[in-house]
Protein backbone atom coordinates (compact mmCIF):
# COMPACT_ATOMS: atom_id res chain seq x y z
CA UNK A 1 -2.02 13.58 2.65
CA UNK A 2 2.05 12.70 2.79
CA UNK A 3 3.86 13.34 5.54
CA UNK A 4 7.46 14.93 4.07
CA UNK A 5 10.66 13.88 5.13
CA UNK A 6 13.08 16.64 5.39
CA UNK A 7 14.82 15.19 2.39
CA UNK A 8 13.58 13.38 -0.68
CA UNK A 9 15.95 9.68 0.02
CA UNK A 10 18.15 8.19 -3.24
CA UNK A 11 16.87 10.67 -5.88
CA UNK A 12 19.25 9.89 -7.92
CA UNK A 13 18.41 6.33 -9.06
CA UNK A 14 15.49 6.74 -11.86
CA UNK A 15 14.04 3.32 -10.44
CA UNK A 16 13.74 4.80 -6.34
CA UNK A 17 10.22 5.96 -6.87
CA UNK A 18 7.92 6.55 -3.09
CA UNK A 19 6.12 9.18 -5.14
CA UNK A 20 4.37 6.80 -7.49
CA UNK A 21 2.81 4.84 -4.29
CA UNK A 22 -0.51 6.37 -3.76
CA UNK A 23 -2.65 4.57 -0.97
CA UNK A 24 -6.24 3.90 -2.00
CA UNK A 25 -8.59 4.59 -0.47
CA UNK A 26 -12.24 2.27 -0.69
CA UNK A 27 -15.73 3.01 1.72
CA UNK A 28 -17.98 -0.44 2.64
CA UNK A 29 -20.66 0.31 4.22
CA UNK A 30 -20.70 -1.68 7.32
CA UNK A 31 -24.49 -1.54 7.29
CA UNK A 32 -25.20 -3.06 4.12
CA UNK A 33 -22.04 -4.97 2.48
CA UNK A 34 -21.77 -2.50 -0.49
CA UNK A 35 -19.46 -0.54 -1.50
CA UNK A 36 -19.39 3.94 -1.69
CA UNK A 37 -19.14 4.69 -5.02
CA UNK A 38 -19.55 7.87 -6.75
CA UNK A 39 -21.81 9.20 -9.74
CA UNK A 40 -19.14 7.30 -12.97
CA UNK A 41 -18.74 4.68 -10.26
CA UNK A 42 -15.69 5.50 -9.10
CA UNK A 43 -15.20 2.86 -5.56
CA UNK A 44 -11.99 3.52 -5.03
CA UNK A 45 -9.90 7.01 -4.68
CA UNK A 46 -6.51 8.44 -4.97
CA UNK A 47 -4.03 11.26 -4.97
CA UNK A 48 -2.78 11.33 -8.16
CA UNK A 49 0.98 10.37 -9.05
CA UNK A 50 3.22 11.50 -12.08
CA UNK A 51 6.56 9.69 -12.68
CA UNK A 52 8.21 13.80 -13.34
CA UNK A 53 6.56 15.14 -10.32
CA UNK A 54 8.28 14.33 -7.23
CA UNK A 55 7.74 14.99 -3.68
CA UNK A 56 10.87 17.29 -3.91
CA UNK A 57 12.77 19.91 -5.73
CA UNK A 58 16.36 19.12 -7.37
CA UNK A 59 17.23 21.49 -3.87
CA UNK A 60 15.15 19.47 -1.18
CA UNK A 61 12.35 21.44 -0.83
CA UNK A 62 9.09 20.14 -0.99
CA UNK A 63 7.55 20.22 -4.78
CA UNK A 64 4.87 22.34 -4.56
CA UNK A 65 3.69 20.85 -7.40
CA UNK A 66 3.03 17.49 -5.77
CA UNK A 67 -0.30 17.29 -5.84
CA UNK A 68 -0.27 14.57 -2.44
CA UNK A 69 -3.37 15.48 -0.08
CA UNK A 70 -7.13 13.77 -1.60
CA UNK A 71 -10.42 14.79 -0.90
CA UNK A 72 -13.67 12.76 -1.10
CA UNK A 73 -17.69 13.35 1.01
CA UNK A 74 -20.20 10.78 1.50
CA UNK A 75 -23.94 10.83 2.21
CA UNK A 76 -25.75 8.23 3.45
CA UNK A 77 -29.62 8.30 3.60
CA UNK A 78 -31.99 6.75 6.28
CA UNK A 79 -31.50 3.25 5.23
CA UNK A 80 -27.42 3.46 4.69
CA UNK A 81 -27.36 3.73 0.81
CA UNK A 82 -24.12 5.71 0.88
CA UNK A 83 -22.84 7.78 -2.11
CA UNK A 84 -19.33 9.65 -2.35
CA UNK A 85 -19.38 13.21 -4.19
CA UNK A 86 -17.37 15.70 -4.19
CA UNK A 87 -14.01 14.29 -4.89
CA UNK A 88 -10.58 17.23 -5.01
CA UNK A 89 -6.69 17.45 -4.93
CA UNK A 90 -4.63 20.00 -3.84
CA UNK A 91 -0.85 20.01 -3.19
CA UNK A 92 0.58 19.46 0.11
CA UNK A 93 2.37 22.92 0.49
CA UNK A 94 1.00 23.37 3.90
CA UNK A 95 0.24 19.58 4.66
CA UNK A 96 4.25 18.80 5.83
CA UNK A 97 5.50 18.07 8.53
CA UNK A 98 9.17 18.04 7.99
CA UNK A 99 11.70 15.38 10.38
CA UNK A 100 15.02 16.24 10.78
CA UNK A 101 17.42 13.40 10.69
């Protein structure tokens, strides 16, 4: 999930796009050494990014349209062969901590 600061830094600069830097999750089975993938063959997951949806609104509030949270479920059998399923995304409007300077 995204940790929101008390304000959006440098929103006046077109080149400042920190909201586009989404961390990527990969899962590798320690037992088999295989990457875990979902039914579509995806083996990397991240929250959605959109150049036009910043972390904060122009008023400085947390943007309810920003989806900085995602989830994925993983199941493994008795041979430690695993698969991912249930990828979801959600807005971060309930997952934030505002830090005051």
